[in-house]
Amino acid sequence: AATTTGSIAAKLILTAGCLVNGQLATNSTGVNFGNLDFGTSPATFDTLSATLVGSLGNGIFVRCSTGSTYSVQITSSSAKPTTVYGAETTQPRYLINATTATVGIAYTLYGSTNYTTPIANNTNLVSAGTPDPANGDNYPIYGRITGGGNNNVAIPAATYQDTINVAVNY
């Protein structure tokens, strides 16, 4: 009798990966990070605030492989329209009138509710609090509009919108 012996090569290659808002992030585009909804208000408002609400709650959640480094950044927003209502800060963004693209309302994004340090484009966001064991670091985003109509009837009543682009780099 004879015996033949040999081996089988078993192999697994794991690459660094991240979960973004609980979903596997694989060089994806078009990810829905949530909504920043200032609600419905009379055009005579003075100050309005909003909180980013995503699929896991307030803010963006990121959890990456142990030892991985990553950053979360806001990369762009709508361009400045010809006519702007509201106060422009050092990092203004613009909600654009859905029917008249030359009219907009200035707003600013912040990482905390003290509204003191605006979020700049292409700057790493700072995580808040203790990481969630399942969902990772939380990056809250708050929006604020100041210097609105305040009984000034000049602001056209309309729907105003913007698209805030986000990049998670890992």
N, C-alpha and C. Protein backbone atom coordinates (compact mmCIF):
# COMPACT_ATOMS: atom_id res chain seq x y z
N ALA A 1 0.84 -1.19 0.00
CA ALA A 1 0.00 0.00 0.00
C ALA A 1 0.88 1.23 0.00
N ALA A 2 0.30 2.36 -0.51
CA ALA A 2 1.04 3.62 -0.61
C ALA A 2 0.23 4.73 0.03
N THR A 3 0.90 5.77 0.46
CA THR A 3 0.25 6.96 1.02
C THR A 3 0.80 8.17 0.31
N THR A 4 -0.09 9.05 -0.08
CA THR A 4 0.33 10.31 -0.69
C THR A 4 -0.04 11.42 0.27
N THR A 5 0.90 12.27 0.56
CA THR A 5 0.65 13.37 1.48
C THR A 5 0.97 14.69 0.79
N GLY A 6 0.46 15.73 1.27
CA GLY A 6 0.71 17.06 0.72
C GLY A 6 0.07 18.10 1.61
N SER A 7 -0.15 19.26 1.06
CA SER A 7 -0.75 20.32 1.86
C SER A 7 -1.68 21.16 0.99
N ILE A 8 -2.51 21.86 1.64
CA ILE A 8 -3.40 22.81 0.98
C ILE A 8 -3.06 24.18 1.54
N ALA A 9 -2.83 25.15 0.69
CA ALA A 9 -2.52 26.51 1.14
C ALA A 9 -3.84 27.25 1.40
N ALA A 10 -4.02 27.70 2.60
CA ALA A 10 -5.19 28.51 2.97
C ALA A 10 -4.72 29.95 3.17
N LYS A 11 -5.50 30.89 2.68
CA LYS A 11 -5.04 32.26 2.73
C LYS A 11 -6.23 33.20 2.92
N LEU A 12 -6.01 34.27 3.65
CA LEU A 12 -6.99 35.32 3.84
C LEU A 12 -6.24 36.63 3.94
N ILE A 13 -6.65 37.62 3.19
CA ILE A 13 -6.06 38.95 3.28
C ILE A 13 -7.16 39.90 3.74
N LEU A 14 -6.94 40.51 4.87
CA LEU A 14 -7.88 41.49 5.40
C LEU A 14 -7.30 42.89 5.17
N THR A 15 -8.10 43.76 4.65
CA THR A 15 -7.68 45.15 4.47
C THR A 15 -8.41 46.00 5.49
N ALA A 16 -7.87 47.17 5.74
CA ALA A 16 -8.51 48.08 6.67
C ALA A 16 -9.89 48.44 6.12
N GLY A 17 -10.84 48.57 7.00
CA GLY A 17 -12.19 48.92 6.58
C GLY A 17 -12.87 49.77 7.63
N CYS A 18 -13.94 50.40 7.21
CA CYS A 18 -14.70 51.26 8.11
C CYS A 18 -16.19 51.03 7.94
N LEU A 19 -16.90 51.27 9.03
CA LEU A 19 -18.35 51.34 8.99
C LEU A 19 -18.72 52.81 9.13
N VAL A 20 -19.56 53.30 8.25
CA VAL A 20 -20.03 54.68 8.31
C VAL A 20 -21.53 54.64 8.51
N ASN A 21 -21.97 55.20 9.63
CA ASN A 21 -23.38 55.13 10.02
C ASN A 21 -23.89 53.69 9.99
N GLY A 22 -23.03 52.76 10.44
CA GLY A 22 -23.41 51.36 10.55
C GLY A 22 -23.34 50.57 9.25
N GLN A 23 -22.96 51.22 8.16
CA GLN A 23 -22.89 50.55 6.86
C GLN A 23 -21.44 50.39 6.42
N LEU A 24 -21.13 49.29 5.78
CA LEU A 24 -19.79 49.04 5.28
C LEU A 24 -19.41 50.12 4.27
N ALA A 25 -18.28 50.76 4.48
CA ALA A 25 -17.80 51.81 3.57
C ALA A 25 -16.74 51.21 2.66
N THR A 26 -17.03 51.19 1.39
CA THR A 26 -16.09 50.61 0.43
C THR A 26 -15.92 51.55 -0.76
N ASN A 27 -15.20 52.64 -0.54
CA ASN A 27 -14.99 53.64 -1.59
C ASN A 27 -16.31 54.01 -2.26
N SER A 28 -17.32 54.25 -1.46
CA SER A 28 -18.65 54.52 -1.98
C SER A 28 -18.88 56.00 -2.23
N THR A 29 -19.72 56.28 -3.19
CA THR A 29 -20.19 57.63 -3.40
C THR A 29 -21.70 57.62 -3.26
N GLY A 30 -22.26 58.77 -3.02
CA GLY A 30 -23.70 58.87 -2.90
C GLY A 30 -24.26 58.36 -1.58
N VAL A 31 -23.44 58.28 -0.54
CA VAL A 31 -23.89 57.82 0.77
C VAL A 31 -24.81 58.88 1.38
N ASN A 32 -25.91 58.47 1.96
CA ASN A 32 -26.82 59.39 2.63
C ASN A 32 -26.38 59.53 4.08
N PHE A 33 -25.84 60.68 4.43
CA PHE A 33 -25.36 60.92 5.79
C PHE A 33 -26.45 61.46 6.70
N GLY A 34 -27.63 61.73 6.16
CA GLY A 34 -28.73 62.21 6.98
C GLY A 34 -29.28 63.52 6.47
N ASN A 35 -29.99 64.22 7.37
CA ASN A 35 -30.64 65.48 7.02
C ASN A 35 -30.35 66.55 8.06
N LEU A 36 -30.15 67.75 7.58
CA LEU A 36 -30.02 68.94 8.42
C LEU A 36 -31.23 69.79 8.09
N ASP A 37 -32.28 69.65 8.89
CA ASP A 37 -33.57 70.25 8.56
C ASP A 37 -33.86 71.43 9.48
N PHE A 38 -33.88 72.63 8.90
CA PHE A 38 -34.19 73.83 9.67
C PHE A 38 -35.70 73.99 9.88
N GLY A 39 -36.47 73.09 9.31
CA GLY A 39 -37.91 73.09 9.51
C GLY A 39 -38.64 74.12 8.66
N THR A 40 -39.83 74.44 9.09
CA THR A 40 -40.68 75.43 8.43
C THR A 40 -40.81 76.62 9.36
N SER A 41 -40.59 77.81 8.82
CA SER A 41 -40.61 79.01 9.65
C SER A 41 -41.14 80.17 8.82
N PRO A 42 -41.76 81.15 9.47
CA PRO A 42 -42.10 82.37 8.75
C PRO A 42 -40.83 83.04 8.23
N ALA A 43 -40.93 83.75 7.12
CA ALA A 43 -39.77 84.43 6.54
C ALA A 43 -39.25 85.55 7.43
N THR A 44 -39.96 85.86 8.49
CA THR A 44 -39.55 86.91 9.41
C THR A 44 -38.76 86.37 10.60
N PHE A 45 -38.18 85.17 10.47
CA PHE A 45 -37.40 84.57 11.57
C PHE A 45 -36.19 85.43 11.90
N ASP A 46 -35.61 85.21 13.07
CA ASP A 46 -34.36 85.88 13.43
C ASP A 46 -33.21 84.88 13.47
N THR A 47 -33.36 83.76 14.21
CA THR A 47 -32.33 82.73 14.32
C THR A 47 -33.00 81.37 14.22
N LEU A 48 -32.41 80.49 13.41
CA LEU A 48 -32.90 79.12 13.28
C LEU A 48 -31.73 78.16 13.47
N SER A 49 -31.99 77.03 14.10
CA SER A 49 -30.95 76.03 14.33
C SER A 49 -31.44 74.66 13.87
N ALA A 50 -30.50 73.79 13.52
CA ALA A 50 -30.82 72.43 13.07
C ALA A 50 -29.71 71.49 13.51
N THR A 51 -30.06 70.21 13.65
CA THR A 51 -29.11 69.17 14.02
C THR A 51 -29.10 68.10 12.93
N LEU A 52 -27.91 67.67 12.51
CA LEU A 52 -27.81 66.58 11.55
C LEU A 52 -28.35 65.31 12.19
N VAL A 53 -29.33 64.70 11.55
CA VAL A 53 -29.88 63.43 12.02
C VAL A 53 -29.65 62.39 10.94
N GLY A 54 -28.89 61.36 11.28
CA GLY A 54 -28.59 60.28 10.35
C GLY A 54 -29.31 59.00 10.74
N SER A 55 -28.93 57.92 10.10
CA SER A 55 -29.60 56.64 10.32
C SER A 55 -29.41 56.09 11.74
N LEU A 56 -28.35 56.51 12.43
CA LEU A 56 -28.10 56.02 13.79
C LEU A 56 -28.38 57.07 14.86
N GLY A 57 -28.90 58.22 14.47
CA GLY A 57 -29.16 59.29 15.43
C GLY A 57 -28.46 60.56 14.99
N ASN A 58 -28.16 61.41 15.97
CA ASN A 58 -27.56 62.70 15.66
C ASN A 58 -26.10 62.55 15.26
N GLY A 59 -25.73 63.13 14.11
CA GLY A 59 -24.36 63.15 13.66
C GLY A 59 -23.99 61.99 12.74
N ILE A 60 -22.71 61.93 12.45
CA ILE A 60 -22.14 60.88 11.60
C ILE A 60 -21.35 59.95 12.52
N PHE A 61 -21.53 58.64 12.35
CA PHE A 61 -20.80 57.65 13.15
C PHE A 61 -19.80 56.93 12.25
N VAL A 62 -18.56 56.78 12.74
CA VAL A 62 -17.52 56.08 11.98
C VAL A 62 -16.77 55.15 12.92
N ARG A 63 -16.65 53.88 12.50
CA ARG A 63 -15.86 52.89 13.24
C ARG A 63 -14.99 52.18 12.23
N CYS A 64 -13.67 52.23 12.44
CA CYS A 64 -12.73 51.61 11.50
C CYS A 64 -11.94 50.49 12.18
N SER A 65 -11.30 49.69 11.36
CA SER A 65 -10.47 48.59 11.85
C SER A 65 -9.45 49.09 12.86
N THR A 66 -9.15 48.26 13.83
CA THR A 66 -8.15 48.61 14.83
C THR A 66 -6.85 49.01 14.16
N GLY A 67 -6.30 50.14 14.59
CA GLY A 67 -5.04 50.62 14.04
C GLY A 67 -5.20 51.48 12.80
N SER A 68 -6.41 51.58 12.27
CA SER A 68 -6.64 52.40 11.07
C SER A 68 -6.77 53.87 11.45
N THR A 69 -6.34 54.70 10.56
CA THR A 69 -6.55 56.13 10.75
C THR A 69 -7.53 56.61 9.70
N TYR A 70 -8.29 57.60 10.04
CA TYR A 70 -9.27 58.14 9.10
C TYR A 70 -9.58 59.58 9.48
N SER A 71 -10.24 60.26 8.59
CA SER A 71 -10.71 61.62 8.87
C SER A 71 -12.09 61.80 8.26
N VAL A 72 -12.85 62.70 8.85
CA VAL A 72 -14.16 63.05 8.33
C VAL A 72 -14.11 64.55 8.02
N GLN A 73 -14.50 64.90 6.79
CA GLN A 73 -14.44 66.29 6.37
C GLN A 73 -15.69 66.69 5.60
N ILE A 74 -16.04 67.96 5.71
CA ILE A 74 -17.04 68.57 4.84
C ILE A 74 -16.24 69.10 3.66
N THR A 75 -16.64 68.73 2.44
CA THR A 75 -15.79 69.09 1.30
C THR A 75 -16.32 70.23 0.45
N SER A 76 -17.62 70.48 0.45
CA SER A 76 -18.13 71.61 -0.34
C SER A 76 -19.59 71.84 -0.03
N SER A 77 -20.11 72.89 -0.64
CA SER A 77 -21.50 73.28 -0.47
C SER A 77 -21.84 74.17 -1.65
N SER A 78 -23.06 74.70 -1.67
CA SER A 78 -23.48 75.57 -2.77
C SER A 78 -22.63 76.84 -2.83
N ALA A 79 -22.45 77.36 -4.03
CA ALA A 79 -21.71 78.61 -4.22
C ALA A 79 -22.56 79.78 -3.74
N LYS A 80 -21.90 80.88 -3.45
CA LYS A 80 -22.59 82.07 -2.96
C LYS A 80 -23.50 82.64 -4.06
N PRO A 81 -24.78 82.83 -3.73
CA PRO A 81 -25.70 83.41 -4.71
C PRO A 81 -25.52 84.93 -4.79
N THR A 82 -26.14 85.54 -5.77
CA THR A 82 -26.04 86.99 -5.97
C THR A 82 -26.64 87.76 -4.79
N THR A 83 -27.82 87.35 -4.34
CA THR A 83 -28.50 88.01 -3.22
C THR A 83 -28.50 87.07 -2.03
N VAL A 84 -27.93 87.55 -0.91
CA VAL A 84 -27.82 86.73 0.29
C VAL A 84 -28.57 87.39 1.44
N TYR A 85 -29.39 86.62 2.12
CA TYR A 85 -30.05 87.07 3.34
C TYR A 85 -29.43 86.33 4.51
N GLY A 86 -29.44 86.96 5.67
CA GLY A 86 -28.85 86.35 6.86
C GLY A 86 -27.39 86.76 7.01
N ALA A 87 -26.87 86.53 8.20
CA ALA A 87 -25.50 86.91 8.51
C ALA A 87 -24.51 85.88 7.98
N GLU A 88 -23.47 86.36 7.32
CA GLU A 88 -22.41 85.49 6.82
C GLU A 88 -21.28 85.45 7.84
N THR A 89 -20.90 84.25 8.25
CA THR A 89 -19.79 84.07 9.19
C THR A 89 -18.50 83.88 8.40
N THR A 90 -17.44 83.49 9.10
CA THR A 90 -16.16 83.25 8.43
C THR A 90 -16.20 82.00 7.54
N GLN A 91 -17.16 81.10 7.77
CA GLN A 91 -17.32 79.89 6.96
C GLN A 91 -18.77 79.76 6.50
N PRO A 92 -19.24 80.70 5.69
CA PRO A 92 -20.66 80.66 5.32
C PRO A 92 -20.98 79.56 4.32
N ARG A 93 -22.20 79.11 4.39
CA ARG A 93 -22.77 78.17 3.41
C ARG A 93 -24.10 78.79 3.01
N TYR A 94 -24.69 78.28 1.94
CA TYR A 94 -25.88 78.95 1.42
C TYR A 94 -26.98 77.96 1.08
N LEU A 95 -28.16 78.24 1.63
CA LEU A 95 -29.37 77.55 1.24
C LEU A 95 -29.91 78.34 0.05
N ILE A 96 -30.06 77.69 -1.08
CA ILE A 96 -30.43 78.36 -2.33
C ILE A 96 -31.94 78.24 -2.56
N ASN A 97 -32.55 79.33 -2.99
CA ASN A 97 -33.98 79.36 -3.31
C ASN A 97 -34.23 78.37 -4.44
N ALA A 98 -35.18 77.47 -4.25
CA ALA A 98 -35.44 76.39 -5.21
C ALA A 98 -35.98 76.90 -6.55
N THR A 99 -36.57 78.09 -6.57
CA THR A 99 -37.10 78.62 -7.83
C THR A 99 -36.27 79.76 -8.40
N THR A 100 -35.49 80.44 -7.57
CA THR A 100 -34.65 81.54 -8.03
C THR A 100 -33.24 81.31 -7.49
N ALA A 101 -32.38 80.69 -8.28
CA ALA A 101 -31.06 80.25 -7.82
C ALA A 101 -30.11 81.41 -7.47
N THR A 102 -30.48 82.63 -7.77
CA THR A 102 -29.62 83.77 -7.44
C THR A 102 -29.90 84.30 -6.03
N VAL A 103 -30.86 83.70 -5.33
CA VAL A 103 -31.23 84.15 -3.99
C VAL A 103 -30.92 83.04 -2.99
N GLY A 104 -30.32 83.41 -1.86
CA GLY A 104 -30.00 82.41 -0.85
C GLY A 104 -29.99 82.95 0.55
N ILE A 105 -29.92 82.03 1.49
CA ILE A 105 -29.85 82.38 2.91
C ILE A 105 -28.56 81.78 3.46
N ALA A 106 -27.75 82.64 4.10
CA ALA A 106 -26.47 82.20 4.67
C ALA A 106 -26.72 81.38 5.94
N TYR A 107 -25.95 80.32 6.09
CA TYR A 107 -25.97 79.54 7.32
C TYR A 107 -24.57 79.03 7.58
N THR A 108 -24.36 78.48 8.76
CA THR A 108 -23.03 78.00 9.15
C THR A 108 -23.18 76.65 9.85
N LEU A 109 -22.20 75.77 9.64
CA LEU A 109 -22.15 74.48 10.32
C LEU A 109 -21.18 74.57 11.49
N TYR A 110 -21.54 73.86 12.57
CA TYR A 110 -20.72 73.83 13.78
C TYR A 110 -20.64 72.40 14.29
N GLY A 111 -19.59 72.11 15.09
CA GLY A 111 -19.42 70.80 15.68
C GLY A 111 -20.01 70.68 17.07
N SER A 112 -20.53 71.79 17.62
CA SER A 112 -21.14 71.75 18.94
C SER A 112 -22.23 72.81 19.04
N THR A 113 -23.06 72.67 20.05
CA THR A 113 -24.17 73.60 20.22
C THR A 113 -23.78 74.92 20.87
N ASN A 114 -22.50 75.13 21.11
CA ASN A 114 -22.09 76.46 21.58
C ASN A 114 -21.91 77.42 20.39
N TYR A 115 -21.94 76.86 19.18
CA TYR A 115 -21.92 77.66 17.93
C TYR A 115 -20.80 78.70 17.91
N THR A 116 -19.59 78.30 18.34
CA THR A 116 -18.49 79.27 18.36
C THR A 116 -17.46 79.03 17.27
N THR A 117 -17.23 77.78 16.86
CA THR A 117 -16.20 77.48 15.87
C THR A 117 -16.84 76.87 14.62
N PRO A 118 -16.94 77.67 13.55
CA PRO A 118 -17.54 77.14 12.32
C PRO A 118 -16.71 76.01 11.72
N ILE A 119 -17.38 75.07 11.07
CA ILE A 119 -16.70 73.99 10.36
C ILE A 119 -16.26 74.52 9.00
N ALA A 120 -14.97 74.41 8.72
CA ALA A 120 -14.43 74.85 7.44
C ALA A 120 -14.36 73.68 6.47
N ASN A 121 -14.48 73.96 5.19
CA ASN A 121 -14.31 72.92 4.17
C ASN A 121 -12.92 72.30 4.28
N ASN A 122 -12.84 71.01 4.02
CA ASN A 122 -11.57 70.27 3.95
C ASN A 122 -10.76 70.32 5.24
N THR A 123 -11.45 70.44 6.36
CA THR A 123 -10.82 70.42 7.68
C THR A 123 -11.39 69.24 8.45
N ASN A 124 -10.53 68.50 9.13
CA ASN A 124 -10.99 67.32 9.87
C ASN A 124 -11.97 67.71 10.97
N LEU A 125 -13.11 67.01 11.00
CA LEU A 125 -14.08 67.22 12.07
C LEU A 125 -13.56 66.58 13.35
N VAL A 126 -14.04 67.04 14.48
CA VAL A 126 -13.62 66.52 15.78
C VAL A 126 -14.75 65.67 16.34
N SER A 127 -14.41 64.44 16.76
CA SER A 127 -15.44 63.57 17.33
C SER A 127 -15.82 64.08 18.72
N ALA A 128 -17.02 63.71 19.12
CA ALA A 128 -17.54 64.19 20.40
C ALA A 128 -17.81 63.02 21.33
N GLY A 129 -17.43 63.17 22.57
CA GLY A 129 -17.77 62.18 23.58
C GLY A 129 -17.03 60.86 23.45
N THR A 130 -17.52 59.88 24.18
CA THR A 130 -16.95 58.54 24.19
C THR A 130 -17.47 57.77 22.98
N PRO A 131 -16.60 57.05 22.26
CA PRO A 131 -17.08 56.28 21.10
C PRO A 131 -18.13 55.25 21.50
N ASP A 132 -19.09 55.06 20.63
CA ASP A 132 -20.11 54.03 20.81
C ASP A 132 -19.45 52.69 20.49
N PRO A 133 -19.61 51.66 21.34
CA PRO A 133 -18.93 50.39 21.10
C PRO A 133 -19.29 49.74 19.76
N ALA A 134 -20.51 49.92 19.31
CA ALA A 134 -20.95 49.29 18.06
C ALA A 134 -20.75 50.20 16.84
N ASN A 135 -20.94 51.51 17.03
CA ASN A 135 -20.95 52.41 15.88
C ASN A 135 -19.75 53.34 15.77
N GLY A 136 -18.91 53.38 16.79
CA GLY A 136 -17.67 54.15 16.72
C GLY A 136 -17.80 55.59 17.16
N ASP A 137 -16.92 56.41 16.58
CA ASP A 137 -16.85 57.83 16.93
C ASP A 137 -18.05 58.58 16.33
N ASN A 138 -18.51 59.57 17.07
CA ASN A 138 -19.64 60.38 16.62
C ASN A 138 -19.15 61.78 16.26
N TYR A 139 -19.60 62.25 15.11
CA TYR A 139 -19.25 63.58 14.63
C TYR A 139 -20.54 64.38 14.47
N PRO A 140 -20.93 65.11 15.52
CA PRO A 140 -22.17 65.88 15.44
C PRO A 140 -21.98 67.09 14.53
N ILE A 141 -23.06 67.46 13.86
CA ILE A 141 -23.05 68.66 13.02
C ILE A 141 -24.33 69.43 13.31
N TYR A 142 -24.14 70.71 13.59
CA TYR A 142 -25.25 71.60 13.89
C TYR A 142 -25.22 72.77 12.90
N GLY A 143 -26.38 73.18 12.46
CA GLY A 143 -26.48 74.32 11.56
C GLY A 143 -27.16 75.47 12.26
N ARG A 144 -26.77 76.69 11.87
CA ARG A 144 -27.40 77.87 12.46
C ARG A 144 -27.51 78.96 11.40
N ILE A 145 -28.68 79.58 11.37
CA ILE A 145 -28.94 80.75 10.53
C ILE A 145 -29.19 81.91 11.49
N THR A 146 -28.47 83.01 11.32
CA THR A 146 -28.69 84.19 12.15
C THR A 146 -28.92 85.39 11.25
N GLY A 147 -29.48 86.43 11.84
CA GLY A 147 -29.70 87.66 11.08
C GLY A 147 -30.71 87.49 9.97
N GLY A 148 -31.72 86.68 10.23
CA GLY A 148 -32.75 86.44 9.22
C GLY A 148 -33.64 87.65 9.02
N GLY A 149 -34.86 87.40 8.68
CA GLY A 149 -35.80 88.46 8.36
C GLY A 149 -36.07 89.40 9.50
N ASN A 150 -36.27 88.85 10.72
CA ASN A 150 -36.57 89.64 11.90
C ASN A 150 -37.56 90.76 11.57
N ASN A 151 -38.72 90.35 11.07
CA ASN A 151 -39.80 91.24 10.66
C ASN A 151 -39.50 92.00 9.37
N ASN A 152 -38.43 91.63 8.66
CA ASN A 152 -38.13 92.22 7.36
C ASN A 152 -38.81 91.35 6.31
N VAL A 153 -39.71 91.92 5.56
CA VAL A 153 -40.47 91.15 4.58
C VAL A 153 -39.71 90.95 3.27
N ALA A 154 -38.44 91.34 3.23
CA ALA A 154 -37.66 91.25 1.99
C ALA A 154 -37.30 89.82 1.61
N ILE A 155 -37.17 88.91 2.57
CA ILE A 155 -36.78 87.54 2.25
C ILE A 155 -37.95 86.85 1.55
N PRO A 156 -37.75 86.37 0.33
CA PRO A 156 -38.84 85.70 -0.37
C PRO A 156 -39.22 84.38 0.31
N ALA A 157 -40.52 84.19 0.48
CA ALA A 157 -41.02 82.92 1.01
C ALA A 157 -40.82 81.87 -0.08
N ALA A 158 -40.10 80.80 0.23
CA ALA A 158 -39.79 79.75 -0.75
C ALA A 158 -39.15 78.59 -0.02
N THR A 159 -38.86 77.53 -0.75
CA THR A 159 -38.06 76.42 -0.23
C THR A 159 -36.60 76.74 -0.55
N TYR A 160 -35.73 76.61 0.44
CA TYR A 160 -34.30 76.86 0.27
C TYR A 160 -33.57 75.55 0.57
N GLN A 161 -32.57 75.22 -0.23
CA GLN A 161 -31.88 73.94 -0.03
C GLN A 161 -30.40 74.02 -0.39
N ASP A 162 -29.66 73.10 0.13
CA ASP A 162 -28.23 73.00 -0.11
C ASP A 162 -27.85 71.52 -0.05
N THR A 163 -26.77 71.17 -0.68
CA THR A 163 -26.20 69.83 -0.58
C THR A 163 -24.82 69.97 0.06
N ILE A 164 -24.65 69.35 1.21
CA ILE A 164 -23.38 69.40 1.94
C ILE A 164 -22.65 68.10 1.62
N ASN A 165 -21.48 68.20 1.03
CA ASN A 165 -20.71 67.02 0.68
C ASN A 165 -19.79 66.62 1.84
N VAL A 166 -19.73 65.32 2.11
CA VAL A 166 -18.95 64.77 3.21
C VAL A 166 -17.97 63.74 2.66
N ALA A 167 -16.76 63.72 3.18
CA ALA A 167 -15.79 62.70 2.81
C ALA A 167 -15.24 62.04 4.06
N VAL A 168 -15.27 60.70 4.08
CA VAL A 168 -14.61 59.93 5.12
C VAL A 168 -13.39 59.31 4.44
N ASN A 169 -12.21 59.79 4.81
CA ASN A 169 -10.95 59.34 4.20
C ASN A 169 -10.26 58.35 5.11
N TYR A 170 -9.98 57.16 4.57
CA TYR A 170 -9.29 56.12 5.37
C TYR A 170 -8.35 55.32 4.51
